[in-house]
Amino acid sequence: MFTTANATAQLNFLFANYYAALEIAAAVVALLILLSALDDLFFDLWYWSRRLWRRFTIERVRTPLTVEQLRQRDEQPIAIMVPAWMEADVIAQMIEDMVAVLDYRRYHIFVGTYVNDRETIDEVERMRVRYKQLHRVEVPHAGPTCKADCLNWVVKTIFASEAGLGMQFAGVVLHDSEDVLHPMELKFFNYLLPRKDMIQLPVASLEREWFELVAGTYMDEFAESHAKDMMVRESVAGLVPSAGVGTCFSRKALHGLMQASDGEPFNVSSLTEDYEVGTKLSQMGMQTIFARFPVKFKVRRKPWFFGKREQVAESTLEMPLAVREYFPDTFTQAYRQKARWVIGIGLQSWEQMEWRGSLAARYLLLHDRKGVVTAFVSMLGYVLALQFILFSAATTFQWWDVFYPPLLAGDGWWRTVLTLNALAMLNRAVHRFYFTTELYGWRHGLMALPRMVVANFVNFMAVARAWRLFLLYLFAGRALAWDKTMHDFPTDGIASRVRLRLGDLLRTWQAVDEATLSMALEEQRRTQLPLGTVMVSHGWLDEETLAEALAYQEGLPRVSLTRERVQRHAGELPVEICARLRTLYLGPGKEGRPDQGMARVAVASALTDAARAELEAILGRAPFAMVARESEIAAGLRLLRGQDNAFDPARTEARVPLLGDLLIASGLLSRPVFDAAMQRYRPDLHGRIGDYLVNEAVISREAIEEAVRRQRDWLAQGGQPA
């Protein structure tokens, strides 16, 4: 007969067996954790031993490399390759920041785009107008494929373009569209080329807020791995894996990779093509290096708990030359990105690279691949610990007290294993605190401790996803697809935008060479005309590049004018005001955009304070300036004065400068004098501008006739300067 006593006895028996199984599982987990900890301990001991050895040997006799030495080395041509799939949100900012930051002249940027990614193509093309060193490489088939496929097309284009550019690239640098570069990066690569075949810089996360726990795990992990683990790898086995960014390949290295794989340097069947490149180059006998060079970074930090959040303190920090970027800040994005890394490094490399190499190389492969198991072990450890806590509580409160004789009791081996694991956990916490503090300060060093738990959960989900996708690939034939990571770029810009003079800016953009710029500056001194006007009038610079440069200088957006856009709001701003201020009204700003509540106006150069005030008084709202081409402004003014064909490119008259512009460009009248006269000009009262300027004694009749003659010459030459 089944009684309550029998039910209680069976329940006690069930729980006792379950608890015994927990003890066995705990023993297995504890031993696996200890083995993994011993592997980590080897890395720790090797790192500190080597660091001490270098401190008392090499660093005592070798003079540290200096920035001056980097600057003294003649610049070699260097190419930068950036694969871009669905990067319209960040690619323009990244390129703009890169060009503004880099302290280097002889470089070209090659951005790989896909035929079915029109938004990214448009952004790259917009930047290509500004930067003559920028080239867009089109992958001839639809995306997404994989990063390796895009890079292979970019590398082929780089070498194919050398003849047209008249140079041979000494090195090719790999970057992603979210990377923030340091000014000395290319100088450093230039110093090491061609002696080194692959140079890997450290990678570091841009600093996050203290409460961004998921994003903070990247700060902690990269701070430790790229300060300690990469150095150990290099010294133990001479192997340096590429991090996928901040990697410079010598010309020799890329040609070697291409020869070994039918012209494709990167493995398109791998989701982490960068990881295996270092191994391949080492097997070819080429020199790979993880390079560290101390530089200064500017960092901006907000107060954590006290002070106003909008206050940002800027300070200078010395740290190794590194590539910095934002990593994912949500749990889902993080584990999906890491799942791709796990598949490529832990599973695909096992399948494709097997266990080849020296004993040291095989040990490093084991170190990299253990994560496909230890992530589950760590999570199982959390689950077991929670259950032991519950059983302990049940015993304390006398809810249940039936046990088999404990398997893991006393002062035997179990206590030793637990003690060693506790010490190993403390060792990991100390190292994580130390390396995070080195880069981000002691506050983030303390936050690194709770973030270790967050990282374990992210890694567990990543490994679980990686195994699921890999098993589907093995047994169901499902292809391993590229898992796109959405990228962020600092909205405030990492490069402090120094206002360069127009000539220096165009030289930085490689829009003009030194000889042309010298001639333009000499002409400017002679005529007192704006430099941009001089360069465009002589055909040394195109209008679109000039407009981009002026927009960049003033931090203003660009706008392209059409007949319809100008006519839509014709008459809302008096024509004489438009002519005098060289401004066209484009209507009120749209809701939800930066120009919301403002009056959009097209200009060819920045508005003066007086012009802003006048426009606001007339339009009833503050002006929002957007830069257009000078010829578009001139065409718009003609249209407002009744010339219907002003925007017709087939009509020669549409390309002939306005009389006032021609007087200034010809040096017959200065811009300040012309602007002052136009303040008083009223078309209905004064008639034609030429007659008005003569009547006001601003200019002679002969000068007006000379300008009109030049207009006729332009017309005779088909709208081009005679």
Foldseek 3Di string as FASTA:
>chain_A
DDDPVNVVVVVLVVVQVVVQVLQVLLVVLLVVLLVLLVLVVVLVVLQVVVVVVCVPPVVVPDDADDPVVLVPFDAAAEEEEEEDELQLPQQLQLVVQVLLAAPDARYAYEYEYEPPRVSNVVSQVLVCQQFVSYHYFYDDHGDDQAPLSRVLSRVVVLCVCCVVVVHDHFKYFFAYRFKRAHHCLSSVVRVCPPVAFKEAEQEAEADDALPLLLQLLRRLVSLQCLVGVQVCLCVQAVFHFHPRHRMMGGPVLQVVLCVVPVSRNFDSQANCRRRCSRVVCVVVVGHYDHDWHKDKAKHWDADRPDDDRVDIDIDIAIGTRYIYGGDDRDLVLLLQVVLSVLLRLQPVCCVVVNQDDDPSSSSVSCSRNCLLPVLVSVVVNVVSVVVVVVVVVCVVVVVHDRHDPDPQDDDPPNVVSVVSSVVSLVVVLVSSLVSSCNPPNNVSSVSNSVSVVVVSVSSSSSSVVNVVVVVCCVPVVDRDGHDDRHGDYDPVRRDDDDQDDLLVSSSSSVLADPVLSVVLVVVCVVLVADSVLSCVQVVSGPQSNLLVSQCVNVVAAADEDDLCQQVVCQPLDDLLLCVLQLKTWRAQDDPPDPRHQATEIEHQHDGDPVNQVVVCVSNVHGYRYHYYGSLNSQLSSVVSVPPVCLRPLQQLLVLQGDLVVLCCSVSVAPPVLVSVQSVPDDCVVQPDPLSSCCVVVRGHPVSSVVSVVQSVVCSVVSNGGD
